[in-house]
C-alpha atoms as a PDB file:
ATOM      1  CA  MET A   1     -21.030  88.951  29.860  1.00  0.00           C
ATOM      2  CA  THR A   2     -23.223  89.295  26.776  1.00  0.00           C
ATOM      3  CA  LEU A   3     -26.671  90.683  26.040  1.00  0.00           C
ATOM      4  CA  LYS A   4     -27.721  87.180  25.052  1.00  0.00           C
ATOM      5  CA  TYR A   5     -26.698  85.850  28.478  1.00  0.00           C
ATOM      6  CA  LEU A   6     -28.396  88.728  30.341  1.00  0.00           C
ATOM      7  CA  ILE A   7     -31.659  88.228  28.491  1.00  0.00           C
ATOM      8  CA  LYS A   8     -31.660  84.484  29.135  1.00  0.00           C
ATOM      9  CA  SER A   9     -30.680  84.931  32.793  1.00  0.00           C
ATOM     10  CA  PHE A  10     -33.916  86.826  33.556  1.00  0.00           C
ATOM     11  CA  SER A  11     -35.946  83.654  33.090  1.00  0.00           C
ATOM     12  CA  GLU A  12     -35.532  80.326  34.845  1.00  0.00           C
ATOM     13  CA  ASP A  13     -33.763  77.685  32.807  1.00  0.00           C
ATOM     14  CA  THR A  14     -36.582  75.178  33.287  1.00  0.00           C
ATOM     15  CA  GLU A  15     -35.459  73.093  30.313  1.00  0.00           C
ATOM     16  CA  TYR A  16     -32.131  72.450  32.054  1.00  0.00           C
ATOM     17  CA  GLN A  17     -33.706  71.892  35.459  1.00  0.00           C
ATOM     18  CA  ASN A  18     -36.153  69.320  34.107  1.00  0.00           C
ATOM     19  CA  ALA A  19     -33.758  67.544  31.756  1.00  0.00           C
ATOM     20  CA  GLU A  20     -33.008  63.901  32.530  1.00  0.00           C
ATOM     21  CA  LEU A  21     -29.613  64.152  30.837  1.00  0.00           C
ATOM     22  CA  LYS A  22     -27.483  67.222  31.430  1.00  0.00           C
ATOM     23  CA  ILE A  23     -23.898  68.345  31.871  1.00  0.00           C
ATOM     24  CA  LYS A  24     -21.851  70.327  34.352  1.00  0.00           C
ATOM     25  CA  SER A  25     -20.695  73.848  33.591  1.00  0.00           C
ATOM     26  CA  CYS A  26     -17.320  74.291  31.912  1.00  0.00           C
ATOM     27  CA  GLU A  27     -15.625  75.411  35.112  1.00  0.00           C
ATOM     28  CA  GLU A  28     -17.233  72.643  37.164  1.00  0.00           C
ATOM     29  CA  SER A  29     -15.818  70.032  34.799  1.00  0.00           C
ATOM     30  CA  LEU A  30     -12.371  71.609  34.819  1.00  0.00           C
ATOM     31  CA  TYR A  31     -12.387  71.754  38.626  1.00  0.00           C
ATOM     32  CA  TYR A  32     -13.582  68.158  38.995  1.00  0.00           C
ATOM     33  CA  LEU A  33     -11.080  66.794  36.482  1.00  0.00           C
ATOM     34  CA  LYS A  34      -8.218  68.511  38.331  1.00  0.00           C
ATOM     35  CA  LYS A  35      -9.524  67.168  41.643  1.00  0.00           C
ATOM     36  CA  ARG A  36      -9.569  63.608  40.324  1.00  0.00           C
ATOM     37  CA  LEU A  37      -6.118  63.936  38.728  1.00  0.00           C
ATOM     38  CA  ASP A  38      -4.741  65.195  42.052  1.00  0.00           C
ATOM     39  CA  SER A  39      -6.202  62.315  44.031  1.00  0.00           C
ATOM     40  CA  SER A  40      -6.000  59.245  41.794  1.00  0.00           C
ATOM     41  CA  SER A  41      -3.402  57.590  39.579  1.00  0.00           C
ATOM     42  CA  ARG A  42      -6.225  56.143  37.482  1.00  0.00           C
ATOM     43  CA  VAL A  43      -8.358  58.796  35.785  1.00  0.00           C
ATOM     44  CA  PHE A  44      -9.985  58.517  32.368  1.00  0.00           C
ATOM     45  CA  PHE A  45     -11.700  61.469  30.690  1.00  0.00           C
ATOM     46  CA  SER A  46     -13.701  60.283  27.685  1.00  0.00           C
ATOM     47  CA  ARG A  47     -15.649  62.683  25.436  1.00  0.00           C
ATOM     48  CA  PHE A  48     -18.802  61.692  23.552  1.00  0.00           C
ATOM     49  CA  GLY A  49     -20.085  64.162  20.976  1.00  0.00           C
ATOM     50  CA  ASP A  50     -22.844  63.940  18.398  1.00  0.00           C
ATOM     51  CA  GLY A  51     -20.650  61.840  16.105  1.00  0.00           C
ATOM     52  CA  GLU A  52     -20.039  59.177  18.734  1.00  0.00           C
ATOM     53  CA  PHE A  53     -23.734  58.889  19.527  1.00  0.00           C
ATOM     54  CA  LEU A  54     -24.706  58.626  15.868  1.00  0.00           C
ATOM     55  CA  LEU A  55     -22.165  55.819  15.492  1.00  0.00           C
ATOM     56  CA  MET A  56     -23.727  54.160  18.548  1.00  0.00           C
ATOM     57  CA  MET A  57     -27.022  54.343  16.667  1.00  0.00           C
ATOM     58  CA  GLY A  58     -25.477  52.494  13.751  1.00  0.00           C
ATOM     59  CA  GLU A  59     -25.040  55.512  11.474  1.00  0.00           C
ATOM     60  CA  SER A  60     -21.953  56.892   9.755  1.00  0.00           C
ATOM     61  CA  THR A  61     -20.673  60.453  10.125  1.00  0.00           C
ATOM     62  CA  ARG A  62     -18.525  62.845   8.128  1.00  0.00           C
ATOM     63  CA  ASN A  63     -15.276  61.475   9.578  1.00  0.00           C
ATOM     64  CA  HIS A  64     -16.238  57.960  10.634  1.00  0.00           C
ATOM     65  CA  ILE A  65     -17.732  54.926   8.918  1.00  0.00           C
ATOM     66  CA  GLY A  66     -20.176  53.096  11.152  1.00  0.00           C
ATOM     67  CA  SER A  67     -20.008  49.347  11.717  1.00  0.00           C
ATOM     68  CA  PRO A  68     -21.481  46.789  14.149  1.00  0.00           C
ATOM     69  CA  ALA A  69     -18.081  46.440  15.834  1.00  0.00           C
ATOM     70  CA  TYR A  70     -17.673  50.208  16.215  1.00  0.00           C
ATOM     71  CA  LYS A  71     -21.195  50.522  17.630  1.00  0.00           C
ATOM     72  CA  LYS A  72     -20.577  47.698  20.113  1.00  0.00           C
ATOM     73  CA  GLU A  73     -17.328  49.163  21.428  1.00  0.00           C
ATOM     74  CA  LEU A  74     -18.766  52.666  21.810  1.00  0.00           C
ATOM     75  CA  LEU A  75     -21.815  51.361  23.658  1.00  0.00           C
ATOM     76  CA  GLU A  76     -19.511  49.431  25.986  1.00  0.00           C
ATOM     77  CA  ALA A  77     -17.456  52.565  26.581  1.00  0.00           C
ATOM     78  CA  PHE A  78     -20.488  54.681  27.442  1.00  0.00           C
ATOM     79  CA  LYS A  79     -21.762  52.057  29.888  1.00  0.00           C
ATOM     80  CA  ILE A  80     -18.692  52.237  32.136  1.00  0.00           C
ATOM     81  CA  ASP A  81     -19.838  53.507  35.523  1.00  0.00           C
ATOM     82  CA  ASN A  82     -16.965  54.476  37.826  1.00  0.00           C
ATOM     83  CA  PRO A  83     -16.008  57.765  39.542  1.00  0.00           C
ATOM     84  CA  ASP A  84     -12.559  57.592  37.954  1.00  0.00           C
ATOM     85  CA  TYR A  85     -14.008  57.130  34.448  1.00  0.00           C
ATOM     86  CA  LEU A  86     -15.327  60.583  33.612  1.00  0.00           C
ATOM     87  CA  ILE A  87     -17.719  60.711  30.678  1.00  0.00           C
ATOM     88  CA  ALA A  88     -18.293  64.043  28.946  1.00  0.00           C
ATOM     89  CA  ALA A  89     -21.384  64.568  26.810  1.00  0.00           C
ATOM     90  CA  PRO A  90     -23.118  67.403  24.905  1.00  0.00           C
ATOM     91  CA  PHE A  91     -26.501  67.155  26.655  1.00  0.00           C
ATOM     92  CA  HIS A  92     -28.351  70.097  28.213  1.00  0.00           C
ATOM     93  CA  PRO A  93     -25.716  72.593  29.400  1.00  0.00           C
ATOM     94  CA  PRO A  94     -26.419  75.079  32.190  1.00  0.00           C
ATOM     95  CA  LEU A  95     -26.708  78.725  31.211  1.00  0.00           C
ATOM     96  CA  GLU A  96     -23.190  80.198  31.129  1.00  0.00           C
ATOM     97  CA  LYS A  97     -21.671  83.541  30.198  1.00  0.00           C
ATOM     98  CA  SER A  98     -19.790  81.810  27.411  1.00  0.00           C
ATOM     99  CA  ILE A  99     -22.943  80.696  25.596  1.00  0.00           C
ATOM    100  CA  SER A 100     -22.515  81.511  21.902  1.00  0.00           C
ATOM    101  CA  LYS A 101     -23.421  79.828  18.641  1.00  0.00           C
ATOM    102  CA  GLY A 102     -20.575  77.813  17.186  1.00  0.00           C
ATOM    103  CA  VAL A 103     -18.547  77.807  20.411  1.00  0.00           C
ATOM    104  CA  TYR A 104     -20.800  76.668  23.225  1.00  0.00           C
ATOM    105  CA  GLU A 105     -24.265  75.404  22.333  1.00  0.00           C
ATOM    106  CA  PRO A 106     -26.157  72.095  22.174  1.00  0.00           C
ATOM    107  CA  PHE A 107     -25.811  70.069  18.986  1.00  0.00           C
ATOM    108  CA  GLY A 108     -28.693  70.072  16.517  1.00  0.00           C
ATOM    109  CA  ALA A 109     -29.146  66.308  16.839  1.00  0.00           C
ATOM    110  CA  ASN A 110     -29.378  66.397  20.640  1.00  0.00           C
ATOM    111  CA  LYS A 111     -33.085  65.520  20.933  1.00  0.00           C
ATOM    112  CA  LYS A 112     -32.624  62.496  18.682  1.00  0.00           C
ATOM    113  CA  ILE A 113     -29.524  61.452  20.633  1.00  0.00           C
ATOM    114  CA  GLU A 114     -31.108  61.937  24.050  1.00  0.00           C
ATOM    115  CA  SER A 115     -34.134  59.880  23.038  1.00  0.00           C
ATOM    116  CA  PHE A 116     -31.855  57.047  21.950  1.00  0.00           C
ATOM    117  CA  ILE A 117     -29.697  57.206  25.090  1.00  0.00           C
ATOM    118  CA  SER A 118     -32.667  57.280  27.471  1.00  0.00           C
ATOM    119  CA  GLU A 119     -34.195  54.270  25.728  1.00  0.00           C
ATOM    120  CA  GLU A 120     -30.924  52.338  25.386  1.00  0.00           C
ATOM    121  CA  PHE A 121     -29.620  52.833  28.919  1.00  0.00           C
ATOM    122  CA  ASN A 122     -32.785  53.247  31.000  1.00  0.00           C
ATOM    123  CA  PHE A 123     -31.302  55.629  33.563  1.00  0.00           C
ATOM    124  CA  ASN A 124     -33.294  55.422  36.783  1.00  0.00           C
ATOM    125  CA  GLU A 125     -32.357  58.914  37.925  1.00  0.00           C
ATOM    126  CA  LYS A 126     -31.403  62.243  36.404  1.00  0.00           C
ATOM    127  CA  LYS A 127     -27.856  62.028  35.116  1.00  0.00           C
ATOM    128  CA  VAL A 128     -25.208  64.759  35.074  1.00  0.00           C
ATOM    129  CA  PHE A 129     -22.214  64.236  32.790  1.00  0.00           C
ATOM    130  CA  GLU A 130     -18.986  66.160  32.392  1.00  0.00           C
ATOM    131  CA  ASN A 131     -18.936  69.077  29.964  1.00  0.00           C
ATOM    132  CA  HIS A 132     -18.017  68.028  26.429  1.00  0.00           C
ATOM    133  CA  PHE A 133     -17.095  71.605  25.441  1.00  0.00           C
ATOM    134  CA  PHE A 134     -15.076  72.812  28.428  1.00  0.00           C
ATOM    135  CA  PHE A 135     -11.544  72.599  27.006  1.00  0.00           C
ATOM    136  CA  SER A 136     -12.250  74.501  23.790  1.00  0.00           C
ATOM    137  CA  THR A 137     -14.720  76.935  25.391  1.00  0.00           C
ATOM    138  CA  LEU A 138     -12.326  77.947  28.163  1.00  0.00           C
ATOM    139  CA  THR A 139      -9.535  78.210  25.590  1.00  0.00           C
ATOM    140  CA  VAL A 140     -11.610  80.894  23.868  1.00  0.00           C
ATOM    141  CA  PHE A 141     -12.823  82.735  26.970  1.00  0.00           C
ATOM    142  CA  GLN A 142     -10.305  81.962  29.729  1.00  0.00           C
ATOM    143  CA  PRO A 143      -7.087  80.688  28.125  1.00  0.00           C
ATOM    144  CA  LYS A 144      -4.994  81.338  31.253  1.00  0.00           C
ATOM    145  CA  LYS A 145      -6.918  78.634  33.102  1.00  0.00           C
ATOM    146  CA  ILE A 146      -6.289  76.100  30.358  1.00  0.00           C
ATOM    147  CA  LYS A 147      -2.603  77.025  30.102  1.00  0.00           C
ATOM    148  CA  SER A 148      -2.288  76.514  33.853  1.00  0.00           C
ATOM    149  CA  PHE A 149      -3.944  73.099  33.483  1.00  0.00           C
ATOM    150  CA  LEU A 150      -1.536  72.108  30.722  1.00  0.00           C
ATOM    151  CA  ASP A 151       1.484  73.330  32.665  1.00  0.00           C
ATOM    152  CA  LYS A 152       0.600  71.237  35.706  1.00  0.00           C
ATOM    153  CA  TYR A 153      -1.160  68.113  34.476  1.00  0.00           C
ATOM    154  CA  ILE A 154       0.038  67.566  30.904  1.00  0.00           C
ATOM    155  CA  ARG A 155       3.363  69.074  29.901  1.00  0.00           C
ATOM    156  CA  PRO A 156       5.585  67.673  32.713  1.00  0.00           C
ATOM    157  CA  LYS A 157       4.244  64.107  32.342  1.00  0.00           C
ATOM    158  CA  LYS A 158       5.807  61.206  30.487  1.00  0.00           C
ATOM    159  CA  LYS A 159       3.183  60.731  27.831  1.00  0.00           C
ATOM    160  CA  MET A 160       1.848  58.913  24.811  1.00  0.00           C
ATOM    161  CA  PHE A 161      -0.060  60.720  22.062  1.00  0.00           C
ATOM    162  CA  ILE A 162      -2.492  58.812  19.855  1.00  0.00           C
ATOM    163  CA  GLY A 163      -3.789  60.662  16.808  1.00  0.00           C
ATOM    164  CA  GLY A 164      -3.294  61.987  13.301  1.00  0.00           C
ATOM    165  CA  VAL A 165      -1.844  65.394  14.178  1.00  0.00           C
ATOM    166  CA  PRO A 166       1.906  65.637  13.456  1.00  0.00           C
ATOM    167  CA  LYS A 167       4.096  65.002  16.483  1.00  0.00           C
ATOM    168  CA  SER A 168       5.692  68.460  16.182  1.00  0.00           C
ATOM    169  CA  SER A 169       2.287  70.149  16.458  1.00  0.00           C
ATOM    170  CA  ALA A 170       1.221  67.980  19.389  1.00  0.00           C
ATOM    171  CA  GLU A 171       4.432  68.835  21.243  1.00  0.00           C
ATOM    172  CA  LYS A 172       3.761  72.556  20.935  1.00  0.00           C
ATOM    173  CA  LEU A 173       0.541  72.113  22.892  1.00  0.00           C
ATOM    174  CA  TYR A 174       1.283  69.166  25.170  1.00  0.00           C
ATOM    175  CA  GLY A 175       5.049  69.246  25.653  1.00  0.00           C
ATOM    176  CA  LYS A 176       7.429  66.383  24.884  1.00  0.00           C
ATOM    177  CA  ILE A 177       5.719  63.322  23.387  1.00  0.00           C
ATOM    178  CA  ASP A 178       7.589  60.218  24.534  1.00  0.00           C
ATOM    179  CA  ILE A 179       5.519  57.728  22.529  1.00  0.00           C
ATOM    180  CA  TYR A 180       3.781  58.843  19.348  1.00  0.00           C
ATOM    181  CA  VAL A 181       1.168  56.496  17.868  1.00  0.00           C
ATOM    182  CA  GLU A 182       0.011  57.767  14.496  1.00  0.00           C
ATOM    183  CA  THR A 183      -3.541  57.150  13.310  1.00  0.00           C
ATOM    184  CA  PRO A 184      -5.435  58.357  10.234  1.00  0.00           C
ATOM    185  CA  ARG A 185      -6.990  61.799  10.716  1.00  0.00           C
ATOM    186  CA  LYS A 186     -10.351  60.370   9.692  1.00  0.00           C
ATOM    187  CA  ASN A 187     -11.999  57.032  10.456  1.00  0.00           C
ATOM    188  CA  ALA A 188      -9.125  55.870  12.658  1.00  0.00           C
ATOM    189  CA  TYR A 189     -11.161  52.895  13.865  1.00  0.00           C
ATOM    190  CA  SER A 190     -10.987  51.313  10.402  1.00  0.00           C
ATOM    191  CA  THR A 191      -7.252  50.720  10.921  1.00  0.00           C
ATOM    192  CA  ILE A 192      -7.265  50.136  14.688  1.00  0.00           C
ATOM    193  CA  ASP A 193      -5.851  46.635  14.236  1.00  0.00           C
ATOM    194  CA  ASP A 194      -2.763  48.248  12.681  1.00  0.00           C
ATOM    195  CA  TRP A 195      -2.003  50.866  15.358  1.00  0.00           C
ATOM    196  CA  TRP A 196      -3.514  49.368  18.524  1.00  0.00           C
ATOM    197  CA  PRO A 197      -0.552  46.978  19.046  1.00  0.00           C
ATOM    198  CA  SER A 198       1.726  50.043  19.413  1.00  0.00           C
ATOM    199  CA  VAL A 199      -0.538  51.347  22.175  1.00  0.00           C
ATOM    200  CA  GLU A 200      -0.441  48.042  24.046  1.00  0.00           C
ATOM    201  CA  LYS A 201       3.300  47.651  23.558  1.00  0.00           C
ATOM    202  CA  ASN A 202       4.184  51.056  25.016  1.00  0.00           C
ATOM    203  CA  VAL A 203       1.415  51.906  27.509  1.00  0.00           C
ATOM    204  CA  LYS A 204       3.445  50.732  30.513  1.00  0.00           C
ATOM    205  CA  GLU A 205       6.234  53.181  29.621  1.00  0.00           C
ATOM    206  CA  VAL A 206       4.145  56.318  30.215  1.00  0.00           C
ATOM    207  CA  ASP A 207       2.013  57.941  32.917  1.00  0.00           C
ATOM    208  CA  LEU A 208      -0.358  59.839  30.628  1.00  0.00           C
ATOM    209  CA  ILE A 209      -2.102  58.904  27.379  1.00  0.00           C
ATOM    210  CA  ILE A 210      -3.640  61.671  25.275  1.00  0.00           C
ATOM    211  CA  THR A 211      -6.190  60.362  22.795  1.00  0.00           C
ATOM    212  CA  SER A 212      -6.836  62.434  19.686  1.00  0.00           C
ATOM    213  CA  ALA A 213      -8.289  59.918  17.237  1.00  0.00           C
ATOM    214  CA  GLY A 214     -11.873  61.098  16.978  1.00  0.00           C
ATOM    215  CA  ALA A 215     -14.488  58.578  18.086  1.00  0.00           C
ATOM    216  CA  ALA A 216     -11.797  55.887  18.203  1.00  0.00           C
ATOM    217  CA  SER A 217     -10.457  57.709  21.280  1.00  0.00           C
ATOM    218  CA  ASN A 218     -13.412  56.355  23.249  1.00  0.00           C
ATOM    219  CA  VAL A 219     -12.551  52.827  22.141  1.00  0.00           C
ATOM    220  CA  VAL A 220      -8.938  53.311  23.229  1.00  0.00           C
ATOM    221  CA  ALA A 221     -10.052  54.539  26.651  1.00  0.00           C
ATOM    222  CA  LYS A 222     -12.510  51.652  27.061  1.00  0.00           C
ATOM    223  CA  ARG A 223      -9.928  49.026  26.154  1.00  0.00           C
ATOM    224  CA  LEU A 224      -7.249  50.459  28.451  1.00  0.00           C
ATOM    225  CA  TRP A 225      -9.767  50.745  31.301  1.00  0.00           C
ATOM    226  CA  ASN A 226     -10.904  47.150  30.894  1.00  0.00           C
ATOM    227  CA  GLN A 227      -7.280  46.004  30.880  1.00  0.00           C
ATOM    228  CA  GLY A 228      -6.859  47.593  34.305  1.00  0.00           C
ATOM    229  CA  TYR A 229      -4.132  50.162  33.636  1.00  0.00           C
ATOM    230  CA  ASN A 230      -3.539  52.767  36.343  1.00  0.00           C
ATOM    231  CA  LYS A 231      -2.967  55.693  34.017  1.00  0.00           C
ATOM    232  CA  HIS A 232      -4.312  59.128  33.232  1.00  0.00           C
ATOM    233  CA  VAL A 233      -6.082  58.838  29.867  1.00  0.00           C
ATOM    234  CA  LEU A 234      -7.455  62.120  28.547  1.00  0.00           C
ATOM    235  CA  ASP A 235      -9.335  63.253  25.462  1.00  0.00           C
ATOM    236  CA  LEU A 236      -8.975  67.040  25.319  1.00  0.00           C
ATOM    237  CA  GLY A 237     -10.860  67.602  22.100  1.00  0.00           C
ATOM    238  CA  SER A 238     -10.244  69.746  19.042  1.00  0.00           C
ATOM    239  CA  VAL A 239      -7.883  72.383  20.476  1.00  0.00           C
ATOM    240  CA  ILE A 240      -4.990  70.466  18.917  1.00  0.00           C
ATOM    241  CA  ASP A 241      -6.550  71.064  15.471  1.00  0.00           C
ATOM    242  CA  ALA A 242      -6.330  74.822  16.034  1.00  0.00           C
ATOM    243  CA  ILE A 243      -2.621  74.475  16.829  1.00  0.00           C
ATOM    244  CA  ASP A 244      -2.220  72.612  13.549  1.00  0.00           C
ATOM    245  CA  ARG A 245      -4.303  75.335  11.825  1.00  0.00           C
ATOM    246  CA  LYS A 246      -6.994  72.873  10.771  1.00  0.00           C
ATOM    247  CA  THR A 247     -10.390  74.583  10.725  1.00  0.00           C
ATOM    248  CA  SER A 248     -12.242  71.410  11.676  1.00  0.00           C
ATOM    249  CA  ARG A 249     -14.726  73.133  13.985  1.00  0.00           C
ATOM    250  CA  THR A 250     -16.790  76.321  13.898  1.00  0.00           C
ATOM    251  CA  TRP A 251     -15.114  77.633  17.054  1.00  0.00           C
ATOM    252  CA  ILE A 252     -11.721  77.354  15.338  1.00  0.00           C
ATOM    253  CA  ARG A 253     -12.924  79.371  12.358  1.00  0.00           C
ATOM    254  CA  LEU A 254     -14.317  82.025  14.713  1.00  0.00           C
ATOM    255  CA  LYS A 255     -11.674  82.207  17.458  1.00  0.00           C
ATOM    256  CA  GLY A 256      -9.076  79.535  16.767  1.00  0.00           C
ATOM    257  CA  HIS A 257      -6.205  81.989  17.175  1.00  0.00           C
ATOM    258  CA  SER A 258      -6.978  82.076  20.922  1.00  0.00           C
ATOM    259  CA  VAL A 259      -5.203  78.741  21.173  1.00  0.00           C
ATOM    260  CA  PHE A 260      -1.785  80.327  20.734  1.00  0.00           C
ATOM    261  CA  LYS A 261      -2.179  81.918  24.169  1.00  0.00           C
ATOM    262  CA  LEU A 262      -1.832  78.411  25.594  1.00  0.00           C
ATOM    263  CA  LEU A 263       1.686  78.026  24.246  1.00  0.00           C
ATOM    264  CA  ASP A 264       4.947  78.978  25.867  1.00  0.00           C
ATOM    265  CA  LYS A 265       6.462  82.028  24.191  1.00  0.00           C
ATOM    266  CA  LYS A 266       9.174  79.967  22.503  1.00  0.00           C
ATOM    267  CA  ASP A 267       6.519  77.875  20.758  1.00  0.00           C
ATOM    268  CA  ARG A 268       4.318  80.736  19.574  1.00  0.00           C
ATOM    269  CA  PRO A 269       4.548  81.468  15.852  1.00  0.00           C
ATOM    270  CA  GLU A 270       5.638  84.889  14.632  1.00  0.00           C
ATOM    271  CA  PHE A 271       2.586  86.520  13.122  1.00  0.00           C
ATOM    272  CA  SER A 272       2.778  89.098  10.365  1.00  0.00           C
ATOM    273  CA  LYS A 273       1.042  92.459  10.664  1.00  0.00           C
ATOM    274  CA  THR A 274      -1.546  91.190   8.205  1.00  0.00           C
ATOM    275  CA  GLU A 275      -2.271  88.154  10.392  1.00  0.00           C
ATOM    276  CA  LYS A 276      -2.478  90.276  13.546  1.00  0.00           C
ATOM    277  CA  THR A 277      -4.926  92.607  11.836  1.00  0.00           C
ATOM    278  CA  LYS A 278      -6.986  89.633  10.701  1.00  0.00           C
ATOM    279  CA  PHE A 279      -7.101  88.260  14.267  1.00  0.00           C
ATOM    280  CA  LEU A 280      -8.155  91.649  15.637  1.00  0.00           C
ATOM    281  CA  ALA A 281     -10.944  91.858  13.075  1.00  0.00           C
ATOM    282  CA  LYS A 282     -12.094  88.380  14.076  1.00  0.00           C
ATOM    283  CA  ASP A 283     -12.082  89.374  17.759  1.00  0.00           C
ATOM    284  CA  ILE A 284     -14.225  92.434  17.074  1.00  0.00           C
ATOM    285  CA  LYS A 285     -16.617  90.482  14.866  1.00  0.00           C
ATOM    286  CA  PHE A 286     -16.908  87.711  17.466  1.00  0.00           C
ATOM    287  CA  PHE A 287     -17.533  90.183  20.280  1.00  0.00           C
ATOM    288  CA  LEU A 288     -20.428  91.738  18.388  1.00  0.00           C
ATOM    289  CA  ARG A 289     -21.747  88.393  17.178  1.00  0.00           C
ATOM    290  CA  LYS A 290     -21.830  86.719  20.581  1.00  0.00           C
ATOM    291  CA  GLN A 291     -24.033  89.467  22.053  1.00  0.00           C
ATOM    292  CA  PHE A 292     -27.010  88.103  20.136  1.00  0.00           C
ATOM    293  CA  ILE A 293     -26.143  84.760  18.517  1.00  0.00           C
END
């Protein structure tokens, strides 16, 4: 618990209570995802962040080039309404102990995005989405819970991995990859016609598909859903980048070394004394920082 959380907890979170678009807490989303995975052979978990919404608005982002086709497919993906198609978004989060700048906070473009979504989709009632941040946030603050999730729902499964991270890195986090479909690390949608046939060819051979192709992951999930596959299709976010030591997100630069607690001992790298000292310094700095920021 931080000073920042204590101060905020003394006042009612009226902004969250009154918001038309909001998200579950991190633990609520983890619990609900596990519940669905336990009860259904067809569960899709699709994450929409600020980049996806900007692409839906016809804009380009740092890692993705917008296009009418991309916009159309993302809009179609976000419109899917089914209890087994879980959509995670970055809208108003509830106040949580893990609130901290760079790890768990609303995106700067949220008001612009929410205005667009409310106008585009005309929701007739207040909407609660899954938590876009839960996998990375709980990796930082409660890694044992995420390791337990991986050990039960991911690592034992026969799986396909779709993304630009090397297969060897993906296997450290997710266990054996039976089908590896390589995509570019950036703007994967621009070459989807090249790698999508490999997805279609092999999807029947696996029980689980892990999507790690940026915004193109949402297109993959939408297409597989519309084709009627009874599979678990999960987008677990940027934790894989931390395994591959890619500082693609602020949370990785601040506390990315937390991810190694998710690995089995045999897969954990041997850190030098210098690295261990650096990690300790980061932990101390982050502890002080999160009290106020």
